[in-house]
């Protein structure tokens, strides 16, 4: 039997270094969004380890799977 998915929504503002914080399993993580977004209000849509960050217009800024082995979740480099 599969356990149910844990959903939640969190509102935040991107800090001056381009990050937002997220607490998961009693541990604090920092998610990199880029300094271009500093001061921008965002919502984090969380489903277990899957996180989507959207702005106030609903535009997707970042989508990621939280890596519990890292406190900082950097932007992927292409």
PDB file of N, CA and C in Angstrom:
ATOM      1  N   UNK A   1       0.839  -1.182   0.000  1.00  0.00           N
ATOM      2  CA  UNK A   1       0.000   0.000   0.000  1.00  0.00           C
ATOM      3  C   UNK A   1       0.889   1.253   0.000  1.00  0.00           C
ATOM      4  N   UNK A   2       0.538   2.228  -0.804  1.00  0.00           N
ATOM      5  CA  UNK A   2       1.319   3.455  -0.926  1.00  0.00           C
ATOM      6  C   UNK A   2       0.829   4.505   0.056  1.00  0.00           C
ATOM      7  N   UNK A   3       1.763   5.139   0.749  1.00  0.00           N
ATOM      8  CA  UNK A   3       1.407   6.214   1.681  1.00  0.00           C
ATOM      9  C   UNK A   3       0.927   7.419   0.880  1.00  0.00           C
ATOM     10  N   UNK A   4       0.061   8.218   1.478  1.00  0.00           N
ATOM     11  CA  UNK A   4      -0.461   9.382   0.770  1.00  0.00           C
ATOM     12  C   UNK A   4       0.593  10.482   0.671  1.00  0.00           C
ATOM     13  N   UNK A   5       0.452  11.315  -0.337  1.00  0.00           N
ATOM     14  CA  UNK A   5       1.372  12.418  -0.579  1.00  0.00           C
ATOM     15  C   UNK A   5       1.040  13.572   0.357  1.00  0.00           C
ATOM     16  N   UNK A   6       2.071  14.209   0.898  1.00  0.00           N
ATOM     17  CA  UNK A   6       1.906  15.348   1.796  1.00  0.00           C
ATOM     18  C   UNK A   6       2.021  16.633   0.981  1.00  0.00           C
ATOM     19  N   UNK A   7       0.936  17.395   0.900  1.00  0.00           N
ATOM     20  CA  UNK A   7       0.892  18.644   0.148  1.00  0.00           C
ATOM     21  C   UNK A   7       0.878  19.825   1.091  1.00  0.00           C
ATOM     22  N   UNK A   8       1.547  20.916   0.697  1.00  0.00           N
ATOM     23  CA  UNK A   8       1.428  22.182   1.419  1.00  0.00           C
ATOM     24  C   UNK A   8       1.857  23.328   0.525  1.00  0.00           C
ATOM     25  N   UNK A   9       1.445  24.531   0.921  1.00  0.00           N
ATOM     26  CA  UNK A   9       1.788  25.753   0.201  1.00  0.00           C
ATOM     27  C   UNK A   9       2.454  26.685   1.191  1.00  0.00           C
ATOM     28  N   UNK A  10       3.533  27.298   0.777  1.00  0.00           N
ATOM     29  CA  UNK A  10       4.259  28.228   1.645  1.00  0.00           C
ATOM     30  C   UNK A  10       4.523  29.513   0.887  1.00  0.00           C
ATOM     31  N   UNK A  11       4.204  30.644   1.507  1.00  0.00           N
ATOM     32  CA  UNK A  11       4.492  31.950   0.908  1.00  0.00           C
ATOM     33  C   UNK A  11       5.780  32.491   1.501  1.00  0.00           C
ATOM     34  N   UNK A  12       6.580  33.147   0.667  1.00  0.00           N
ATOM     35  CA  UNK A  12       7.862  33.677   1.103  1.00  0.00           C
ATOM     36  C   UNK A  12       8.248  34.828   0.192  1.00  0.00           C
ATOM     37  N   UNK A  13       9.371  35.458   0.504  1.00  0.00           N
ATOM     38  CA  UNK A  13       9.943  36.504  -0.325  1.00  0.00           C
ATOM     39  C   UNK A  13      11.402  36.114  -0.562  1.00  0.00           C
ATOM     40  N   UNK A  14      11.845  36.222  -1.796  1.00  0.00           N
ATOM     41  CA  UNK A  14      13.216  35.853  -2.153  1.00  0.00           C
ATOM     42  C   UNK A  14      14.169  36.814  -1.436  1.00  0.00           C
ATOM     43  N   UNK A  15      15.182  36.260  -0.754  1.00  0.00           N
ATOM     44  CA  UNK A  15      16.119  37.106  -0.004  1.00  0.00           C
ATOM     45  C   UNK A  15      17.093  37.814  -0.941  1.00  0.00           C
ATOM     46  N   UNK A  16      17.950  38.653  -0.382  1.00  0.00           N
ATOM     47  CA  UNK A  16      18.859  39.477  -1.192  1.00  0.00           C
ATOM     48  C   UNK A  16      19.900  38.660  -1.946  1.00  0.00           C
ATOM     49  N   UNK A  17      20.102  37.409  -1.534  1.00  0.00           N
ATOM     50  CA  UNK A  17      21.059  36.551  -2.242  1.00  0.00           C
ATOM     51  C   UNK A  17      20.377  35.634  -3.256  1.00  0.00           C
ATOM     52  N   UNK A  18      19.056  35.788  -3.427  1.00  0.00           N
ATOM     53  CA  UNK A  18      18.335  35.009  -4.428  1.00  0.00           C
ATOM     54  C   UNK A  18      17.882  33.641  -3.964  1.00  0.00           C
ATOM     55  N   UNK A  19      17.656  33.487  -2.653  1.00  0.00           N
ATOM     56  CA  UNK A  19      17.254  32.191  -2.109  1.00  0.00           C
ATOM     57  C   UNK A  19      15.959  32.299  -1.296  1.00  0.00           C
ATOM     58  N   UNK A  20      15.279  31.177  -1.155  1.00  0.00           N
ATOM     59  CA  UNK A  20      14.159  31.045  -0.216  1.00  0.00           C
ATOM     60  C   UNK A  20      14.462  29.843   0.665  1.00  0.00           C
ATOM     61  N   UNK A  21      13.853  29.807   1.842  1.00  0.00           N
ATOM     62  CA  UNK A  21      14.099  28.685   2.746  1.00  0.00           C
ATOM     63  C   UNK A  21      12.865  27.803   2.832  1.00  0.00           C
ATOM     64  N   UNK A  22      13.113  26.556   3.140  1.00  0.00           N
ATOM     65  CA  UNK A  22      12.048  25.565   3.255  1.00  0.00           C
ATOM     66  C   UNK A  22      12.439  24.570   4.338  1.00  0.00           C
ATOM     67  N   UNK A  23      11.533  24.344   5.263  1.00  0.00           N
ATOM     68  CA  UNK A  23      11.767  23.342   6.298  1.00  0.00           C
ATOM     69  C   UNK A  23      11.093  22.045   5.861  1.00  0.00           C
ATOM     70  N   UNK A  24      11.880  20.973   5.901  1.00  0.00           N
ATOM     71  CA  UNK A  24      11.367  19.646   5.547  1.00  0.00           C
ATOM     72  C   UNK A  24      11.958  18.640   6.519  1.00  0.00           C
ATOM     73  N   UNK A  25      11.112  17.851   7.134  1.00  0.00           N
ATOM     74  CA  UNK A  25      11.569  16.828   8.085  1.00  0.00           C
ATOM     75  C   UNK A  25      12.457  17.435   9.176  1.00  0.00           C
ATOM     76  N   UNK A  26      12.041  18.562   9.732  1.00  0.00           N
ATOM     77  CA  UNK A  26      12.746  19.267  10.810  1.00  0.00           C
ATOM     78  C   UNK A  26      14.121  19.797  10.409  1.00  0.00           C
ATOM     79  N   UNK A  27      14.375  19.915   9.123  1.00  0.00           N
ATOM     80  CA  UNK A  27      15.660  20.421   8.642  1.00  0.00           C
ATOM     81  C   UNK A  27      15.411  21.589   7.695  1.00  0.00           C
ATOM     82  N   UNK A  28      16.243  22.622   7.783  1.00  0.00           N
ATOM     83  CA  UNK A  28      16.077  23.815   6.964  1.00  0.00           C
ATOM     84  C   UNK A  28      16.926  23.714   5.693  1.00  0.00           C
ATOM     85  N   UNK A  29      16.289  23.960   4.552  1.00  0.00           N
ATOM     86  CA  UNK A  29      16.949  23.933   3.253  1.00  0.00           C
ATOM     87  C   UNK A  29      16.857  25.314   2.625  1.00  0.00           C
ATOM     88  N   UNK A  30      17.853  25.675   1.826  1.00  0.00           N
ATOM     89  CA  UNK A  30      17.858  26.917   1.053  1.00  0.00           C
ATOM     90  C   UNK A  30      17.759  26.529  -0.418  1.00  0.00           C
ATOM     91  N   UNK A  31      16.829  27.174  -1.118  1.00  0.00           N
ATOM     92  CA  UNK A  31      16.600  26.890  -2.535  1.00  0.00           C
ATOM     93  C   UNK A  31      17.039  28.106  -3.347  1.00  0.00           C
ATOM     94  N   UNK A  32      17.996  27.908  -4.222  1.00  0.00           N
ATOM     95  CA  UNK A  32      18.496  28.992  -5.061  1.00  0.00           C
ATOM     96  C   UNK A  32      17.548  29.306  -6.199  1.00  0.00           C
ATOM     97  N   UNK A  33      17.235  30.602  -6.362  1.00  0.00           N
ATOM     98  CA  UNK A  33      16.374  31.058  -7.458  1.00  0.00           C
ATOM     99  C   UNK A  33      17.088  32.064  -8.352  1.00  0.00           C
ATOM    100  N   UNK A  34      18.146  32.664  -7.857  1.00  0.00           N
ATOM    101  CA  UNK A  34      18.878  33.672  -8.612  1.00  0.00           C
ATOM    102  C   UNK A  34      18.619  35.066  -8.074  1.00  0.00           C
ATOM    103  N   UNK A  35      19.659  35.887  -8.080  1.00  0.00           N
ATOM    104  CA  UNK A  35      19.545  37.256  -7.545  1.00  0.00           C
ATOM    105  C   UNK A  35      18.595  38.130  -8.348  1.00  0.00           C
ATOM    106  N   UNK A  36      18.303  37.771  -9.578  1.00  0.00           N
ATOM    107  CA  UNK A  36      17.366  38.545 -10.396  1.00  0.00           C
ATOM    108  C   UNK A  36      15.970  38.568  -9.768  1.00  0.00           C
ATOM    109  N   UNK A  37      15.688  37.619  -8.879  1.00  0.00           N
ATOM    110  CA  UNK A  37      14.369  37.519  -8.238  1.00  0.00           C
ATOM    111  C   UNK A  37      14.340  38.128  -6.831  1.00  0.00           C
ATOM    112  N   UNK A  38      15.434  38.742  -6.375  1.00  0.00           N
ATOM    113  CA  UNK A  38      15.498  39.226  -4.988  1.00  0.00           C
ATOM    114  C   UNK A  38      14.335  40.174  -4.676  1.00  0.00           C
ATOM    115  N   UNK A  39      13.748  39.958  -3.501  1.00  0.00           N
ATOM    116  CA  UNK A  39      12.627  40.760  -3.040  1.00  0.00           C
ATOM    117  C   UNK A  39      11.280  40.353  -3.611  1.00  0.00           C
ATOM    118  N   UNK A  40      11.260  39.436  -4.528  1.00  0.00           N
ATOM    119  CA  UNK A  40      10.025  39.013  -5.195  1.00  0.00           C
ATOM    120  C   UNK A  40       9.209  38.095  -4.289  1.00  0.00           C
ATOM    121  N   UNK A  41       7.901  38.368  -4.130  1.00  0.00           N
ATOM    122  CA  UNK A  41       7.064  37.444  -3.363  1.00  0.00           C
ATOM    123  C   UNK A  41       6.809  36.175  -4.186  1.00  0.00           C
ATOM    124  N   UNK A  42       6.913  35.025  -3.539  1.00  0.00           N
ATOM    125  CA  UNK A  42       6.727  33.744  -4.221  1.00  0.00           C
ATOM    126  C   UNK A  42       5.890  32.807  -3.361  1.00  0.00           C
ATOM    127  N   UNK A  43       5.389  31.770  -4.017  1.00  0.00           N
ATOM    128  CA  UNK A  43       4.717  30.674  -3.321  1.00  0.00           C
ATOM    129  C   UNK A  43       5.470  29.399  -3.657  1.00  0.00           C
ATOM    130  N   UNK A  44       5.657  28.560  -2.648  1.00  0.00           N
ATOM    131  CA  UNK A  44       6.253  27.251  -2.845  1.00  0.00           C
ATOM    132  C   UNK A  44       5.130  26.231  -2.757  1.00  0.00           C
ATOM    133  N   UNK A  45       4.963  25.460  -3.807  1.00  0.00           N
ATOM    134  CA  UNK A  45       3.962  24.400  -3.851  1.00  0.00           C
ATOM    135  C   UNK A  45       4.708  23.093  -3.627  1.00  0.00           C
ATOM    136  N   UNK A  46       4.435  22.447  -2.508  1.00  0.00           N
ATOM    137  CA  UNK A  46       5.240  21.312  -2.066  1.00  0.00           C
ATOM    138  C   UNK A  46       4.400  20.049  -2.036  1.00  0.00           C
ATOM    139  N   UNK A  47       4.905  18.999  -2.667  1.00  0.00           N
ATOM    140  CA  UNK A  47       4.284  17.678  -2.644  1.00  0.00           C
ATOM    141  C   UNK A  47       5.402  16.691  -2.313  1.00  0.00           C
ATOM    142  N   UNK A  48       5.508  16.334  -1.040  1.00  0.00           N
ATOM    143  CA  UNK A  48       6.617  15.513  -0.548  1.00  0.00           C
ATOM    144  C   UNK A  48       7.941  16.210  -0.871  1.00  0.00           C
ATOM    145  N   UNK A  49       8.789  15.615  -1.710  1.00  0.00           N
ATOM    146  CA  UNK A  49      10.077  16.224  -2.051  1.00  0.00           C
ATOM    147  C   UNK A  49      10.028  17.060  -3.325  1.00  0.00           C
ATOM    148  N   UNK A  50       8.895  17.077  -3.992  1.00  0.00           N
ATOM    149  CA  UNK A  50       8.749  17.851  -5.224  1.00  0.00           C
ATOM    150  C   UNK A  50       8.301  19.261  -4.887  1.00  0.00           C
ATOM    151  N   UNK A  51       9.054  20.247  -5.388  1.00  0.00           N
ATOM    152  CA  UNK A  51       8.795  21.655  -5.058  1.00  0.00           C
ATOM    153  C   UNK A  51       8.689  22.462  -6.341  1.00  0.00           C
ATOM    154  N   UNK A  52       7.659  23.283  -6.410  1.00  0.00           N
ATOM    155  CA  UNK A  52       7.513  24.261  -7.495  1.00  0.00           C
ATOM    156  C   UNK A  52       7.474  25.627  -6.855  1.00  0.00           C
ATOM    157  N   UNK A  53       8.216  26.560  -7.428  1.00  0.00           N
ATOM    158  CA  UNK A  53       8.234  27.940  -6.939  1.00  0.00           C
ATOM    159  C   UNK A  53       7.589  28.795  -8.019  1.00  0.00           C
ATOM    160  N   UNK A  54       6.516  29.517  -7.647  1.00  0.00           N
ATOM    161  CA  UNK A  54       5.815  30.368  -8.595  1.00  0.00           C
ATOM    162  C   UNK A  54       5.760  31.795  -8.062  1.00  0.00           C
ATOM    163  N   UNK A  55       5.606  32.753  -8.982  1.00  0.00           N
ATOM    164  CA  UNK A  55       5.465  34.146  -8.553  1.00  0.00           C
ATOM    165  C   UNK A  55       3.992  34.465  -8.322  1.00  0.00           C
ATOM    166  N   UNK A  56       3.683  35.723  -8.022  1.00  0.00           N
ATOM    167  CA  UNK A  56       2.310  36.115  -7.691  1.00  0.00           C
ATOM    168  C   UNK A  56       1.356  35.999  -8.880  1.00  0.00           C
ATOM    169  N   UNK A  57       1.887  35.918 -10.110  1.00  0.00           N
ATOM    170  CA  UNK A  57       1.065  35.734 -11.305  1.00  0.00           C
ATOM    171  C   UNK A  57       0.895  34.265 -11.678  1.00  0.00           C
ATOM    172  N   UNK A  58       1.510  33.384 -10.910  1.00  0.00           N
ATOM    173  CA  UNK A  58       1.437  31.956 -11.190  1.00  0.00           C
ATOM    174  C   UNK A  58       2.504  31.461 -12.150  1.00  0.00           C
ATOM    175  N   UNK A  59       3.452  32.335 -12.518  1.00  0.00           N
ATOM    176  CA  UNK A  59       4.530  31.943 -13.427  1.00  0.00           C
ATOM    177  C   UNK A  59       5.535  31.066 -12.692  1.00  0.00           C
ATOM    178  N   UNK A  60       5.874  29.947 -13.312  1.00  0.00           N
ATOM    179  CA  UNK A  60       6.837  29.018 -12.720  1.00  0.00           C
ATOM    180  C   UNK A  60       8.229  29.614 -12.766  1.00  0.00           C
ATOM    181  N   UNK A  61       8.868  29.724 -11.599  1.00  0.00           N
ATOM    182  CA  UNK A  61      10.244  30.220 -11.508  1.00  0.00           C
ATOM    183  C   UNK A  61      11.219  29.055 -11.465  1.00  0.00           C
ATOM    184  N   UNK A  62      10.857  28.037 -10.694  1.00  0.00           N
ATOM    185  CA  UNK A  62      11.749  26.880 -10.568  1.00  0.00           C
ATOM    186  C   UNK A  62      10.954  25.661 -10.133  1.00  0.00           C
ATOM    187  N   UNK A  63      11.370  24.509 -10.623  1.00  0.00           N
ATOM    188  CA  UNK A  63      10.796  23.229 -10.223  1.00  0.00           C
ATOM    189  C   UNK A  63      11.958  22.307  -9.887  1.00  0.00           C
ATOM    190  N   UNK A  64      11.863  21.606  -8.756  1.00  0.00           N
ATOM    191  CA  UNK A  64      12.958  20.736  -8.348  1.00  0.00           C
ATOM    192  C   UNK A  64      12.466  19.618  -7.449  1.00  0.00           C
ATOM    193  N   UNK A  65      13.288  18.611  -7.324  1.00  0.00           N
ATOM    194  CA  UNK A  65      13.096  17.564  -6.329  1.00  0.00           C
ATOM    195  C   UNK A  65      14.127  17.826  -5.244  1.00  0.00           C
ATOM    196  N   UNK A  66      13.659  18.044  -4.031  1.00  0.00           N
ATOM    197  CA  UNK A  66      14.536  18.364  -2.911  1.00  0.00           C
ATOM    198  C   UNK A  66      15.506  17.206  -2.657  1.00  0.00           C
ATOM    199  N   UNK A  67      16.781  17.523  -2.561  1.00  0.00           N
ATOM    200  CA  UNK A  67      17.812  16.529  -2.264  1.00  0.00           C
ATOM    201  C   UNK A  67      18.103  16.615  -0.763  1.00  0.00           C
ATOM    202  N   UNK A  68      17.586  15.681   0.040  1.00  0.00           N
ATOM    203  CA  UNK A  68      17.756  15.747   1.496  1.00  0.00           C
ATOM    204  C   UNK A  68      19.205  15.670   1.960  1.00  0.00           C
ATOM    205  N   UNK A  69      20.133  15.273   1.105  1.00  0.00           N
ATOM    206  CA  UNK A  69      21.538  15.180   1.506  1.00  0.00           C
ATOM    207  C   UNK A  69      22.262  16.525   1.408  1.00  0.00           C
ATOM    208  N   UNK A  70      21.581  17.566   0.877  1.00  0.00           N
ATOM    209  CA  UNK A  70      22.206  18.883   0.697  1.00  0.00           C
ATOM    210  C   UNK A  70      21.330  19.963   1.332  1.00  0.00           C
ATOM    211  N   UNK A  71      21.925  20.822   2.149  1.00  0.00           N
ATOM    212  CA  UNK A  71      21.182  21.937   2.756  1.00  0.00           C
ATOM    213  C   UNK A  71      20.867  23.010   1.722  1.00  0.00           C
ATOM    214  N   UNK A  72      21.763  23.182   0.744  1.00  0.00           N
ATOM    215  CA  UNK A  72      21.558  24.181  -0.296  1.00  0.00           C
ATOM    216  C   UNK A  72      21.201  23.479  -1.595  1.00  0.00           C
ATOM    217  N   UNK A  73      20.117  23.929  -2.216  1.00  0.00           N
ATOM    218  CA  UNK A  73      19.655  23.366  -3.476  1.00  0.00           C
ATOM    219  C   UNK A  73      19.996  24.357  -4.587  1.00  0.00           C
ATOM    220  N   UNK A  74      21.165  24.191  -5.227  1.00  0.00           N
ATOM    221  CA  UNK A  74      21.606  25.175  -6.218  1.00  0.00           C
ATOM    222  C   UNK A  74      20.802  25.088  -7.510  1.00  0.00           C
ATOM    223  N   UNK A  75      20.876  26.170  -8.279  1.00  0.00           N
ATOM    224  CA  UNK A  75      20.307  26.143  -9.625  1.00  0.00           C
ATOM    225  C   UNK A  75      21.149  25.187 -10.473  1.00  0.00           C
ATOM    226  N   UNK A  76      20.508  24.425 -11.322  1.00  0.00           N
ATOM    227  CA  UNK A  76      21.242  23.508 -12.206  1.00  0.00           C
ATOM    228  C   UNK A  76      21.987  24.324 -13.248  1.00  0.00           C
ATOM    229  N   UNK A  77      23.206  23.957 -13.509  1.00  0.00           N
ATOM    230  CA  UNK A  77      24.000  24.624 -14.547  1.00  0.00           C
ATOM    231  C   UNK A  77      23.950  23.786 -15.813  1.00  0.00           C
ATOM    232  N   UNK A  78      23.683  24.471 -16.918  1.00  0.00           N
ATOM    233  CA  UNK A  78      23.604  23.753 -18.204  1.00  0.00           C
ATOM    234  C   UNK A  78      24.911  23.822 -18.947  1.00  0.00           C
TER     235      UNK A  78
END
